[in-house]
């Protein structure tokens, strides 16, 4: 497709730049042993290059996934107080407001990029190219449904898993180490039959400790 007839270029350049920046942050985090959860990385770079080249299949896929991820991520932000105790969130804000606000801001940027990309790939010019290639150009309802379904499944499974018998055992073991003055919340857990290990957040309104337990 000629550049002058390529309505996907703006979205492509946007994804390419964001992907390169994200890869740079990943490299910095690895070099300085900083925890960083990447959302764009190499996938954004590849998708950006293909969109700049006028990839219609890529445009269709990115348009669908941007809607899918938008619904899932917005839902995740909404249910965060359900899967993480409010008391723990409040203490995290008290102790490290910059980190919490930074993570939230990153989430908003991520959502904003998804919306922007989706809008760019839903312009009349973009939809005409997609339609000419034989693709449907209506709103991707399947993406909305899939995003909501994935969120519901993830929240349901994590809630059941992190509040089940093994989780209760992990909390009890953590409580043996630090005592009853703390509240306990399992943040991650791996089980192998009757054995397993877990990371437990022990918190009050003034402090948080990370306790590793195994059984």
N, C-alpha and C. Protein backbone atom coordinates (compact mmCIF):
# COMPACT_ATOMS: atom_id res chain seq x y z
N UNK A 1 0.84 -1.20 0.00
CA UNK A 1 0.00 0.00 0.00
C UNK A 1 0.88 1.24 0.00
N UNK A 2 0.59 2.22 -0.86
CA UNK A 2 1.36 3.45 -0.90
C UNK A 2 1.16 4.25 0.38
N UNK A 3 2.22 4.93 0.85
CA UNK A 3 2.14 5.70 2.09
C UNK A 3 0.99 6.70 2.06
N UNK A 4 0.79 7.35 0.90
CA UNK A 4 -0.26 8.36 0.80
C UNK A 4 -1.65 7.77 0.94
N UNK A 5 -1.78 6.46 0.71
CA UNK A 5 -3.07 5.80 0.84
C UNK A 5 -3.14 4.90 2.07
N UNK A 6 -2.19 5.08 2.97
CA UNK A 6 -2.13 4.24 4.16
C UNK A 6 -2.68 5.00 5.38
N UNK A 7 -3.90 4.70 5.79
CA UNK A 7 -4.49 5.41 6.94
C UNK A 7 -4.02 4.86 8.28
N UNK A 8 -3.18 3.83 8.25
CA UNK A 8 -2.72 3.20 9.50
C UNK A 8 -1.38 3.76 9.98
N UNK A 9 -0.77 4.65 9.20
CA UNK A 9 0.59 5.10 9.51
C UNK A 9 0.69 5.80 10.86
N UNK A 10 -0.29 6.66 11.19
CA UNK A 10 -0.22 7.40 12.44
C UNK A 10 -0.23 6.45 13.64
N UNK A 11 -1.13 5.47 13.61
CA UNK A 11 -1.18 4.48 14.69
C UNK A 11 0.12 3.67 14.72
N UNK A 12 0.66 3.36 13.55
CA UNK A 12 1.89 2.60 13.46
C UNK A 12 3.06 3.34 14.08
N UNK A 13 3.22 4.62 13.73
CA UNK A 13 4.31 5.40 14.31
C UNK A 13 4.14 5.55 15.82
N UNK A 14 2.89 5.72 16.25
CA UNK A 14 2.63 5.84 17.68
C UNK A 14 3.05 4.59 18.44
N UNK A 15 2.66 3.43 17.93
CA UNK A 15 3.02 2.17 18.57
C UNK A 15 4.53 1.93 18.52
N UNK A 16 5.14 2.28 17.41
CA UNK A 16 6.57 2.09 17.26
C UNK A 16 7.35 2.90 18.30
N UNK A 17 7.00 4.17 18.44
CA UNK A 17 7.67 5.04 19.41
C UNK A 17 7.46 4.54 20.83
N UNK A 18 6.21 4.20 21.15
CA UNK A 18 5.90 3.72 22.50
C UNK A 18 6.62 2.41 22.79
N UNK A 19 6.66 1.53 21.80
CA UNK A 19 7.34 0.25 21.98
C UNK A 19 8.83 0.43 22.22
N UNK A 20 9.46 1.34 21.48
CA UNK A 20 10.89 1.60 21.65
C UNK A 20 11.17 2.18 23.04
N UNK A 21 10.33 3.12 23.46
CA UNK A 21 10.49 3.71 24.79
C UNK A 21 10.34 2.63 25.87
N UNK A 22 9.35 1.76 25.69
CA UNK A 22 9.10 0.70 26.67
C UNK A 22 10.28 -0.26 26.74
N UNK A 23 10.86 -0.60 25.59
CA UNK A 23 12.04 -1.47 25.58
C UNK A 23 13.22 -0.80 26.29
N UNK A 24 13.33 0.51 26.12
CA UNK A 24 14.39 1.24 26.81
C UNK A 24 14.21 1.19 28.32
N UNK A 25 12.96 1.33 28.76
CA UNK A 25 12.67 1.26 30.20
C UNK A 25 12.97 -0.14 30.74
N UNK A 26 12.62 -1.16 29.94
CA UNK A 26 12.91 -2.54 30.35
C UNK A 26 14.41 -2.74 30.54
N UNK A 27 15.20 -2.25 29.59
CA UNK A 27 16.65 -2.38 29.67
C UNK A 27 17.19 -1.67 30.90
N UNK A 28 16.67 -0.48 31.17
CA UNK A 28 17.10 0.28 32.36
C UNK A 28 16.73 -0.46 33.63
N UNK A 29 15.50 -1.01 33.68
CA UNK A 29 15.05 -1.72 34.87
C UNK A 29 15.89 -2.97 35.13
N UNK A 30 16.23 -3.68 34.06
CA UNK A 30 17.06 -4.89 34.22
C UNK A 30 18.46 -4.51 34.71
N UNK A 31 19.02 -3.46 34.11
CA UNK A 31 20.38 -3.04 34.48
C UNK A 31 20.46 -2.57 35.93
N UNK A 32 19.37 -1.99 36.42
CA UNK A 32 19.37 -1.45 37.77
C UNK A 32 18.57 -2.31 38.76
N UNK A 33 18.20 -3.52 38.29
CA UNK A 33 17.48 -4.49 39.14
C UNK A 33 16.21 -3.87 39.74
N UNK A 34 15.45 -3.21 38.87
CA UNK A 34 14.19 -2.58 39.27
C UNK A 34 13.05 -3.41 38.72
N UNK A 35 12.04 -3.62 39.53
CA UNK A 35 10.87 -4.38 39.08
C UNK A 35 10.05 -3.52 38.11
N UNK A 36 9.74 -4.09 36.95
CA UNK A 36 8.97 -3.34 35.95
C UNK A 36 8.13 -4.31 35.15
N UNK A 37 6.83 -4.04 35.08
CA UNK A 37 5.92 -4.88 34.32
C UNK A 37 5.61 -4.19 33.00
N UNK A 38 6.03 -4.80 31.90
CA UNK A 38 5.88 -4.19 30.59
C UNK A 38 4.55 -4.57 29.94
N UNK A 39 3.97 -3.62 29.22
CA UNK A 39 2.70 -3.88 28.54
C UNK A 39 2.82 -3.79 27.02
N UNK A 40 3.79 -3.05 26.52
CA UNK A 40 3.90 -2.83 25.08
C UNK A 40 5.07 -3.62 24.47
N UNK A 41 6.28 -3.28 24.86
CA UNK A 41 7.54 -3.89 24.44
C UNK A 41 7.62 -4.24 22.95
N UNK A 42 8.16 -5.40 22.63
CA UNK A 42 8.47 -5.76 21.25
C UNK A 42 7.23 -5.91 20.39
N UNK A 43 6.12 -6.28 21.02
CA UNK A 43 4.88 -6.46 20.25
C UNK A 43 4.41 -5.14 19.64
N UNK A 44 4.55 -4.05 20.41
CA UNK A 44 4.18 -2.74 19.89
C UNK A 44 5.09 -2.34 18.74
N UNK A 45 6.37 -2.65 18.86
CA UNK A 45 7.34 -2.32 17.81
C UNK A 45 6.98 -3.05 16.52
N UNK A 46 6.74 -4.35 16.62
CA UNK A 46 6.42 -5.15 15.43
C UNK A 46 5.11 -4.68 14.81
N UNK A 47 4.08 -4.49 15.65
CA UNK A 47 2.78 -4.03 15.14
C UNK A 47 2.92 -2.66 14.49
N UNK A 48 3.72 -1.79 15.11
CA UNK A 48 3.92 -0.45 14.55
C UNK A 48 4.56 -0.49 13.18
N UNK A 49 5.59 -1.31 13.02
CA UNK A 49 6.27 -1.43 11.72
C UNK A 49 5.31 -1.95 10.66
N UNK A 50 4.53 -2.97 11.02
CA UNK A 50 3.59 -3.55 10.05
C UNK A 50 2.50 -2.56 9.66
N UNK A 51 2.05 -1.76 10.63
CA UNK A 51 1.03 -0.76 10.31
C UNK A 51 1.60 0.34 9.42
N UNK A 52 2.83 0.74 9.68
CA UNK A 52 3.48 1.75 8.84
C UNK A 52 3.59 1.26 7.40
N UNK A 53 3.79 -0.06 7.24
CA UNK A 53 3.87 -0.65 5.91
C UNK A 53 2.49 -0.87 5.28
N UNK A 54 1.43 -0.56 6.05
CA UNK A 54 0.08 -0.69 5.51
C UNK A 54 -0.55 -2.04 5.70
N UNK A 55 -0.10 -2.81 6.68
CA UNK A 55 -0.64 -4.15 6.92
C UNK A 55 -2.10 -4.13 7.32
N UNK A 56 -2.97 -4.57 6.44
CA UNK A 56 -4.41 -4.56 6.71
C UNK A 56 -4.76 -5.60 7.77
N UNK A 57 -4.17 -6.79 7.67
CA UNK A 57 -4.43 -7.83 8.67
C UNK A 57 -3.99 -7.37 10.06
N UNK A 58 -2.84 -6.69 10.09
CA UNK A 58 -2.35 -6.17 11.37
C UNK A 58 -3.30 -5.12 11.92
N UNK A 59 -3.80 -4.24 11.05
CA UNK A 59 -4.73 -3.20 11.48
C UNK A 59 -5.99 -3.82 12.06
N UNK A 60 -6.49 -4.84 11.40
CA UNK A 60 -7.70 -5.52 11.90
C UNK A 60 -7.43 -6.14 13.26
N UNK A 61 -6.28 -6.82 13.42
CA UNK A 61 -5.96 -7.48 14.68
C UNK A 61 -5.74 -6.46 15.80
N UNK A 62 -4.99 -5.40 15.51
CA UNK A 62 -4.70 -4.39 16.53
C UNK A 62 -5.97 -3.67 16.94
N UNK A 63 -6.85 -3.39 15.99
CA UNK A 63 -8.12 -2.74 16.31
C UNK A 63 -8.93 -3.60 17.27
N UNK A 64 -8.97 -4.92 17.03
CA UNK A 64 -9.72 -5.83 17.89
C UNK A 64 -9.07 -5.92 19.27
N UNK A 65 -7.76 -6.11 19.31
CA UNK A 65 -7.08 -6.29 20.59
C UNK A 65 -7.05 -5.01 21.41
N UNK A 66 -7.03 -3.86 20.77
CA UNK A 66 -7.07 -2.61 21.54
C UNK A 66 -8.39 -2.49 22.29
N UNK A 67 -9.50 -2.90 21.66
CA UNK A 67 -10.79 -2.88 22.34
C UNK A 67 -10.84 -3.94 23.44
N UNK A 68 -10.30 -5.11 23.15
CA UNK A 68 -10.27 -6.21 24.12
C UNK A 68 -9.48 -5.82 25.37
N UNK A 69 -8.28 -5.28 25.19
CA UNK A 69 -7.42 -4.91 26.31
C UNK A 69 -7.98 -3.72 27.07
N UNK A 70 -8.62 -2.79 26.35
CA UNK A 70 -9.22 -1.63 27.01
C UNK A 70 -10.28 -2.08 28.02
N UNK A 71 -11.18 -2.94 27.60
CA UNK A 71 -12.24 -3.43 28.49
C UNK A 71 -11.64 -4.20 29.67
N UNK A 72 -10.69 -5.09 29.39
CA UNK A 72 -10.09 -5.90 30.44
C UNK A 72 -9.34 -5.04 31.45
N UNK A 73 -8.58 -4.05 30.97
CA UNK A 73 -7.75 -3.25 31.86
C UNK A 73 -8.60 -2.29 32.68
N UNK A 74 -9.59 -1.66 32.06
CA UNK A 74 -10.48 -0.77 32.81
C UNK A 74 -11.21 -1.57 33.89
N UNK A 75 -11.64 -2.78 33.53
CA UNK A 75 -12.31 -3.64 34.51
C UNK A 75 -11.38 -4.01 35.65
N UNK A 76 -10.11 -4.27 35.34
CA UNK A 76 -9.13 -4.61 36.36
C UNK A 76 -8.96 -3.47 37.36
N UNK A 77 -8.88 -2.24 36.86
CA UNK A 77 -8.77 -1.09 37.74
C UNK A 77 -10.01 -0.97 38.64
N UNK A 78 -11.17 -1.29 38.08
CA UNK A 78 -12.41 -1.17 38.83
C UNK A 78 -12.52 -2.21 39.95
N UNK A 79 -12.01 -3.43 39.69
CA UNK A 79 -12.16 -4.50 40.69
C UNK A 79 -10.94 -4.62 41.61
N UNK A 80 -9.96 -3.74 41.44
CA UNK A 80 -8.76 -3.82 42.28
C UNK A 80 -9.08 -3.85 43.77
N UNK A 81 -10.03 -3.02 44.26
CA UNK A 81 -10.35 -3.08 45.69
C UNK A 81 -10.96 -4.42 46.11
N UNK A 82 -11.47 -5.20 45.14
CA UNK A 82 -12.07 -6.50 45.47
C UNK A 82 -10.99 -7.55 45.64
N UNK A 83 -10.00 -7.53 44.77
CA UNK A 83 -8.97 -8.56 44.82
C UNK A 83 -7.81 -8.17 45.74
N UNK A 84 -7.74 -6.89 46.13
CA UNK A 84 -6.74 -6.43 47.09
C UNK A 84 -7.46 -5.70 48.21
N UNK A 85 -7.23 -6.08 49.47
CA UNK A 85 -7.91 -5.42 50.59
C UNK A 85 -7.70 -3.91 50.58
N UNK A 86 -8.76 -3.18 50.87
CA UNK A 86 -8.69 -1.72 50.88
C UNK A 86 -7.64 -1.24 51.89
N UNK A 87 -7.59 -1.93 53.04
CA UNK A 87 -6.61 -1.54 54.06
C UNK A 87 -5.19 -1.63 53.57
N UNK A 88 -4.90 -2.66 52.78
CA UNK A 88 -3.56 -2.82 52.22
C UNK A 88 -3.27 -1.72 51.21
N UNK A 89 -4.24 -1.39 50.38
CA UNK A 89 -4.05 -0.32 49.40
C UNK A 89 -3.79 1.02 50.09
N UNK A 90 -4.53 1.30 51.16
CA UNK A 90 -4.36 2.56 51.88
C UNK A 90 -2.97 2.65 52.49
N UNK A 91 -2.51 1.54 53.08
CA UNK A 91 -1.17 1.54 53.68
C UNK A 91 -0.10 1.70 52.61
N UNK A 92 -0.29 1.07 51.46
CA UNK A 92 0.66 1.23 50.36
C UNK A 92 0.77 2.69 49.94
N UNK A 93 -0.37 3.37 49.90
CA UNK A 93 -0.37 4.78 49.52
C UNK A 93 0.34 5.62 50.58
N UNK A 94 0.10 5.31 51.85
CA UNK A 94 0.76 6.04 52.93
C UNK A 94 2.28 5.89 52.88
N UNK A 95 2.73 4.66 52.63
CA UNK A 95 4.16 4.37 52.68
C UNK A 95 4.90 4.75 51.41
N UNK A 96 4.23 4.62 50.27
CA UNK A 96 4.91 4.88 48.99
C UNK A 96 3.92 5.43 47.98
N UNK A 97 3.47 6.63 48.26
CA UNK A 97 2.45 7.25 47.41
C UNK A 97 2.94 7.43 45.99
N UNK A 98 4.23 7.76 45.84
CA UNK A 98 4.78 8.01 44.51
C UNK A 98 4.68 6.76 43.64
N UNK A 99 5.02 5.60 44.22
CA UNK A 99 4.97 4.34 43.47
C UNK A 99 3.53 4.00 43.07
N UNK A 100 2.61 4.16 44.02
CA UNK A 100 1.20 3.83 43.75
C UNK A 100 0.62 4.76 42.70
N UNK A 101 0.88 6.05 42.86
CA UNK A 101 0.38 7.03 41.89
C UNK A 101 1.03 6.79 40.53
N UNK A 102 2.33 6.46 40.54
CA UNK A 102 3.02 6.18 39.29
C UNK A 102 2.42 4.99 38.56
N UNK A 103 2.12 3.94 39.31
CA UNK A 103 1.52 2.74 38.71
C UNK A 103 0.14 3.06 38.14
N UNK A 104 -0.63 3.86 38.89
CA UNK A 104 -1.96 4.24 38.43
C UNK A 104 -1.86 5.11 37.18
N UNK A 105 -0.90 6.05 37.19
CA UNK A 105 -0.71 6.93 36.04
C UNK A 105 -0.30 6.12 34.81
N UNK A 106 0.58 5.12 35.03
CA UNK A 106 0.99 4.26 33.92
C UNK A 106 -0.22 3.53 33.35
N UNK A 107 -1.09 3.07 34.24
CA UNK A 107 -2.30 2.39 33.78
C UNK A 107 -3.18 3.30 32.94
N UNK A 108 -3.30 4.55 33.37
CA UNK A 108 -4.11 5.51 32.60
C UNK A 108 -3.48 5.79 31.25
N UNK A 109 -2.14 5.89 31.22
CA UNK A 109 -1.46 6.10 29.94
C UNK A 109 -1.69 4.92 29.01
N UNK A 110 -1.59 3.71 29.57
CA UNK A 110 -1.81 2.49 28.80
C UNK A 110 -3.21 2.48 28.19
N UNK A 111 -4.21 2.80 29.02
CA UNK A 111 -5.59 2.86 28.53
C UNK A 111 -5.74 3.95 27.48
N UNK A 112 -5.11 5.10 27.72
CA UNK A 112 -5.19 6.20 26.77
C UNK A 112 -4.60 5.83 25.41
N UNK A 113 -3.48 5.12 25.43
CA UNK A 113 -2.87 4.67 24.17
C UNK A 113 -3.79 3.71 23.43
N UNK A 114 -4.39 2.78 24.18
CA UNK A 114 -5.31 1.82 23.55
C UNK A 114 -6.47 2.53 22.88
N UNK A 115 -7.03 3.53 23.57
CA UNK A 115 -8.15 4.28 23.01
C UNK A 115 -7.70 5.04 21.75
N UNK A 116 -6.54 5.69 21.85
CA UNK A 116 -6.03 6.46 20.71
C UNK A 116 -5.79 5.57 19.51
N UNK A 117 -5.15 4.42 19.72
CA UNK A 117 -4.88 3.50 18.62
C UNK A 117 -6.19 3.01 18.00
N UNK A 118 -7.16 2.67 18.85
CA UNK A 118 -8.44 2.18 18.34
C UNK A 118 -9.14 3.25 17.50
N UNK A 119 -9.07 4.50 17.97
CA UNK A 119 -9.69 5.60 17.22
C UNK A 119 -9.00 5.77 15.87
N UNK A 120 -7.67 5.71 15.85
CA UNK A 120 -6.92 5.87 14.61
C UNK A 120 -7.26 4.77 13.61
N UNK A 121 -7.52 3.56 14.10
CA UNK A 121 -7.83 2.45 13.21
C UNK A 121 -9.33 2.32 12.95
N UNK A 122 -10.10 3.30 13.44
CA UNK A 122 -11.54 3.30 13.22
C UNK A 122 -12.00 4.55 12.48
N UNK A 123 -11.04 5.29 11.90
CA UNK A 123 -11.41 6.46 11.10
C UNK A 123 -12.12 5.99 9.83
N UNK A 124 -12.88 6.87 9.19
CA UNK A 124 -13.55 6.46 7.94
C UNK A 124 -12.58 5.92 6.90
N UNK A 125 -11.38 6.52 6.83
CA UNK A 125 -10.39 6.06 5.86
C UNK A 125 -9.91 4.64 6.19
N UNK A 126 -9.66 4.41 7.47
CA UNK A 126 -9.21 3.08 7.89
C UNK A 126 -10.29 2.03 7.67
N UNK A 127 -11.52 2.38 7.99
CA UNK A 127 -12.62 1.42 7.83
C UNK A 127 -12.87 1.10 6.37
N UNK A 128 -12.66 2.08 5.48
CA UNK A 128 -12.83 1.82 4.05
C UNK A 128 -11.81 0.81 3.56
N UNK A 129 -10.57 0.94 4.03
CA UNK A 129 -9.52 0.00 3.63
C UNK A 129 -9.84 -1.40 4.17
N UNK A 130 -10.28 -1.47 5.41
CA UNK A 130 -10.63 -2.77 6.00
C UNK A 130 -11.81 -3.40 5.27
N UNK A 131 -12.80 -2.58 4.95
CA UNK A 131 -13.97 -3.09 4.24
C UNK A 131 -13.60 -3.58 2.84
N UNK A 132 -12.72 -2.83 2.18
CA UNK A 132 -12.29 -3.22 0.84
C UNK A 132 -11.56 -4.56 0.87
N UNK A 133 -10.88 -4.85 1.99
CA UNK A 133 -10.16 -6.12 2.13
C UNK A 133 -11.08 -7.26 2.55
N UNK A 134 -12.37 -6.95 2.76
CA UNK A 134 -13.33 -7.99 3.10
C UNK A 134 -13.56 -8.20 4.58
N UNK A 135 -13.08 -7.27 5.41
CA UNK A 135 -13.25 -7.41 6.85
C UNK A 135 -14.45 -6.61 7.34
N UNK A 136 -15.04 -7.07 8.43
CA UNK A 136 -16.16 -6.35 9.04
C UNK A 136 -15.64 -5.09 9.70
N UNK A 137 -16.43 -4.03 9.62
CA UNK A 137 -15.99 -2.74 10.17
C UNK A 137 -16.89 -2.23 11.28
N UNK A 138 -17.82 -3.05 11.74
CA UNK A 138 -18.67 -2.64 12.84
C UNK A 138 -17.87 -2.64 14.15
N UNK A 139 -18.46 -2.11 15.19
CA UNK A 139 -17.79 -2.11 16.48
C UNK A 139 -17.48 -3.56 16.89
N UNK A 140 -16.27 -3.82 17.39
CA UNK A 140 -15.87 -5.20 17.72
C UNK A 140 -16.50 -5.69 19.02
N UNK A 141 -17.79 -6.02 18.94
CA UNK A 141 -18.51 -6.45 20.14
C UNK A 141 -17.88 -7.71 20.74
N UNK A 142 -17.34 -8.57 19.88
CA UNK A 142 -16.71 -9.79 20.39
C UNK A 142 -15.52 -9.46 21.28
N UNK A 143 -14.81 -8.37 20.96
CA UNK A 143 -13.67 -7.95 21.77
C UNK A 143 -14.13 -7.48 23.15
N UNK A 144 -15.24 -6.73 23.17
CA UNK A 144 -15.78 -6.26 24.45
C UNK A 144 -16.21 -7.44 25.31
N UNK A 145 -16.89 -8.39 24.68
CA UNK A 145 -17.38 -9.57 25.42
C UNK A 145 -16.21 -10.41 25.92
N UNK A 146 -15.22 -10.61 25.05
CA UNK A 146 -14.06 -11.41 25.43
C UNK A 146 -13.28 -10.74 26.56
N UNK A 147 -13.12 -9.43 26.50
CA UNK A 147 -12.41 -8.71 27.55
C UNK A 147 -13.12 -8.82 28.89
N UNK A 148 -14.44 -8.64 28.86
CA UNK A 148 -15.22 -8.75 30.09
C UNK A 148 -15.21 -10.18 30.62
N UNK A 149 -15.29 -11.15 29.70
CA UNK A 149 -15.27 -12.55 30.10
C UNK A 149 -13.95 -12.95 30.73
N UNK A 150 -12.84 -12.51 30.11
CA UNK A 150 -11.52 -12.81 30.66
C UNK A 150 -11.34 -12.20 32.03
N UNK A 151 -11.81 -10.97 32.20
CA UNK A 151 -11.69 -10.30 33.49
C UNK A 151 -12.48 -11.06 34.55
N UNK A 152 -13.71 -11.42 34.23
CA UNK A 152 -14.55 -12.14 35.19
C UNK A 152 -13.92 -13.48 35.57
N UNK A 153 -13.37 -14.18 34.58
CA UNK A 153 -12.73 -15.46 34.85
C UNK A 153 -11.50 -15.28 35.72
N UNK A 154 -10.67 -14.29 35.39
CA UNK A 154 -9.44 -14.06 36.15
C UNK A 154 -9.74 -13.67 37.59
N UNK A 155 -10.71 -12.77 37.77
CA UNK A 155 -11.07 -12.34 39.12
C UNK A 155 -11.66 -13.49 39.92
N UNK A 156 -12.54 -14.28 39.27
CA UNK A 156 -13.15 -15.41 39.95
C UNK A 156 -12.13 -16.45 40.38
N UNK A 157 -11.23 -16.80 39.48
CA UNK A 157 -10.22 -17.81 39.79
C UNK A 157 -9.23 -17.32 40.86
N UNK A 158 -8.78 -16.07 40.72
CA UNK A 158 -7.82 -15.54 41.69
C UNK A 158 -8.45 -15.39 43.06
N UNK A 159 -9.71 -14.96 43.11
CA UNK A 159 -10.39 -14.82 44.39
C UNK A 159 -10.55 -16.17 45.08
N UNK A 160 -10.97 -17.16 44.30
CA UNK A 160 -11.15 -18.50 44.87
C UNK A 160 -9.81 -19.10 45.29
N UNK A 161 -8.80 -18.93 44.45
CA UNK A 161 -7.49 -19.52 44.71
C UNK A 161 -6.80 -18.87 45.91
N UNK A 162 -6.85 -17.53 45.96
CA UNK A 162 -6.13 -16.82 47.01
C UNK A 162 -6.92 -16.72 48.31
N UNK A 163 -8.09 -17.34 48.35
CA UNK A 163 -8.87 -17.39 49.58
C UNK A 163 -9.27 -18.82 49.95
N UNK A 164 -8.68 -19.80 49.25
CA UNK A 164 -9.00 -21.19 49.50
C UNK A 164 -8.22 -21.77 50.66
N UNK A 165 -8.25 -23.09 50.76
CA UNK A 165 -7.60 -23.78 51.87
C UNK A 165 -6.11 -23.53 51.91
N UNK A 166 -5.44 -23.59 50.76
CA UNK A 166 -4.00 -23.37 50.72
C UNK A 166 -3.65 -21.94 51.13
N UNK A 167 -4.47 -20.98 50.70
CA UNK A 167 -4.24 -19.59 51.06
C UNK A 167 -4.38 -19.39 52.56
N UNK A 168 -5.37 -20.03 53.14
CA UNK A 168 -5.56 -19.93 54.59
C UNK A 168 -4.36 -20.51 55.32
N UNK A 169 -3.82 -21.60 54.80
CA UNK A 169 -2.63 -22.20 55.40
C UNK A 169 -1.44 -21.25 55.31
N UNK A 170 -1.30 -20.58 54.15
CA UNK A 170 -0.20 -19.63 53.98
C UNK A 170 -0.33 -18.47 54.97
N UNK A 171 -1.53 -17.98 55.15
CA UNK A 171 -1.75 -16.89 56.10
C UNK A 171 -1.43 -17.33 57.52
N UNK A 172 -1.83 -18.55 57.85
CA UNK A 172 -1.57 -19.07 59.20
C UNK A 172 -0.07 -19.18 59.46
N UNK A 173 0.68 -19.64 58.47
CA UNK A 173 2.13 -19.77 58.61
C UNK A 173 2.79 -18.39 58.76
N UNK A 174 2.30 -17.43 58.00
CA UNK A 174 2.83 -16.07 58.12
C UNK A 174 2.49 -15.49 59.49
N UNK A 175 1.31 -15.79 59.96
CA UNK A 175 0.88 -15.29 61.27
C UNK A 175 1.75 -15.87 62.38
N UNK A 176 2.20 -17.11 62.22
CA UNK A 176 3.10 -17.72 63.21
C UNK A 176 4.41 -16.96 63.30
N UNK A 177 4.82 -16.35 62.19
CA UNK A 177 6.09 -15.62 62.18
C UNK A 177 5.96 -14.21 62.76
N UNK A 178 4.87 -13.52 62.43
CA UNK A 178 4.76 -12.11 62.81
C UNK A 178 3.72 -11.81 63.87
N UNK A 179 2.82 -12.75 64.14
CA UNK A 179 1.85 -12.53 65.20
C UNK A 179 0.51 -12.00 64.74
N UNK A 180 -0.44 -11.89 65.67
CA UNK A 180 -1.82 -11.53 65.33
C UNK A 180 -2.07 -10.04 65.11
N UNK A 181 -1.07 -9.20 65.36
CA UNK A 181 -1.31 -7.76 65.22
C UNK A 181 -1.35 -7.31 63.76
N UNK A 182 -0.99 -8.20 62.86
CA UNK A 182 -1.01 -7.87 61.43
C UNK A 182 -2.24 -8.48 60.74
N UNK A 183 -2.64 -7.85 59.65
CA UNK A 183 -3.60 -8.45 58.72
C UNK A 183 -2.79 -9.13 57.63
N UNK A 184 -3.36 -10.18 57.04
CA UNK A 184 -2.60 -10.97 56.07
C UNK A 184 -3.36 -11.12 54.77
N UNK A 185 -2.61 -11.01 53.67
CA UNK A 185 -3.20 -11.16 52.33
C UNK A 185 -2.20 -11.88 51.43
N UNK A 186 -2.63 -12.97 50.83
CA UNK A 186 -1.77 -13.74 49.92
C UNK A 186 -1.69 -13.01 48.58
N UNK A 187 -0.49 -12.67 48.17
CA UNK A 187 -0.31 -11.95 46.90
C UNK A 187 0.05 -12.88 45.74
N UNK A 188 0.69 -14.01 46.05
CA UNK A 188 0.99 -15.01 45.02
C UNK A 188 1.19 -16.35 45.70
N UNK A 189 0.91 -17.40 44.95
CA UNK A 189 1.01 -18.73 45.54
C UNK A 189 1.16 -19.78 44.46
N UNK A 190 1.97 -20.79 44.75
CA UNK A 190 2.14 -21.94 43.87
C UNK A 190 2.00 -23.20 44.71
N UNK A 191 1.19 -24.14 44.24
CA UNK A 191 0.98 -25.37 44.99
C UNK A 191 1.35 -26.58 44.15
N UNK A 192 1.80 -27.63 44.84
CA UNK A 192 2.14 -28.90 44.20
C UNK A 192 1.54 -30.01 45.06
N UNK A 193 0.31 -30.39 44.75
CA UNK A 193 -0.36 -31.38 45.59
C UNK A 193 -0.62 -30.80 46.97
N UNK A 194 -0.03 -31.41 48.00
CA UNK A 194 -0.20 -30.93 49.37
C UNK A 194 0.88 -29.94 49.80
N UNK A 195 1.85 -29.70 48.95
CA UNK A 195 2.92 -28.76 49.27
C UNK A 195 2.77 -27.49 48.43
N UNK A 196 3.48 -26.46 48.83
CA UNK A 196 3.42 -25.22 48.07
C UNK A 196 4.22 -24.12 48.74
N UNK A 197 4.27 -22.98 48.09
CA UNK A 197 4.89 -21.80 48.69
C UNK A 197 4.12 -20.57 48.26
N UNK A 198 4.20 -19.55 49.09
CA UNK A 198 3.39 -18.36 48.84
C UNK A 198 4.09 -17.11 49.36
N UNK A 199 3.72 -15.99 48.79
CA UNK A 199 4.15 -14.68 49.27
C UNK A 199 2.95 -14.02 49.94
N UNK A 200 3.14 -13.60 51.17
CA UNK A 200 2.03 -13.05 51.95
C UNK A 200 2.38 -11.63 52.39
N UNK A 201 1.44 -10.71 52.20
CA UNK A 201 1.61 -9.35 52.68
C UNK A 201 1.03 -9.27 54.09
N UNK A 202 1.87 -8.94 55.04
CA UNK A 202 1.43 -8.73 56.42
C UNK A 202 1.41 -7.22 56.65
N UNK A 203 0.26 -6.67 57.02
CA UNK A 203 0.14 -5.22 57.07
C UNK A 203 -0.71 -4.72 58.24
N UNK A 204 -0.39 -3.51 58.64
CA UNK A 204 -1.21 -2.73 59.56
C UNK A 204 -1.48 -1.41 58.85
N UNK A 205 -1.97 -0.43 59.56
CA UNK A 205 -2.18 0.87 58.93
C UNK A 205 -0.90 1.70 58.87
N UNK A 206 0.23 1.09 59.37
CA UNK A 206 1.49 1.83 59.39
C UNK A 206 2.63 1.13 58.69
N UNK A 207 2.53 -0.18 58.45
CA UNK A 207 3.66 -0.91 57.88
C UNK A 207 3.19 -2.12 57.09
N UNK A 208 4.08 -2.57 56.19
CA UNK A 208 3.83 -3.75 55.37
C UNK A 208 5.09 -4.60 55.34
N UNK A 209 4.91 -5.90 55.56
CA UNK A 209 6.03 -6.83 55.45
C UNK A 209 5.67 -7.90 54.43
N UNK A 210 6.65 -8.35 53.67
CA UNK A 210 6.46 -9.44 52.72
C UNK A 210 7.02 -10.72 53.33
N UNK A 211 6.17 -11.69 53.52
CA UNK A 211 6.57 -12.93 54.18
C UNK A 211 6.50 -14.07 53.18
N UNK A 212 7.59 -14.84 53.08
CA UNK A 212 7.63 -16.00 52.22
C UNK A 212 7.41 -17.25 53.09
N UNK A 213 6.43 -18.06 52.72
CA UNK A 213 6.14 -19.28 53.49
C UNK A 213 6.11 -20.47 52.56
N UNK A 214 6.34 -21.63 53.11
CA UNK A 214 6.22 -22.88 52.35
C UNK A 214 5.78 -24.01 53.26
N UNK A 215 5.17 -25.00 52.69
CA UNK A 215 4.65 -26.12 53.48
C UNK A 215 4.75 -27.42 52.67
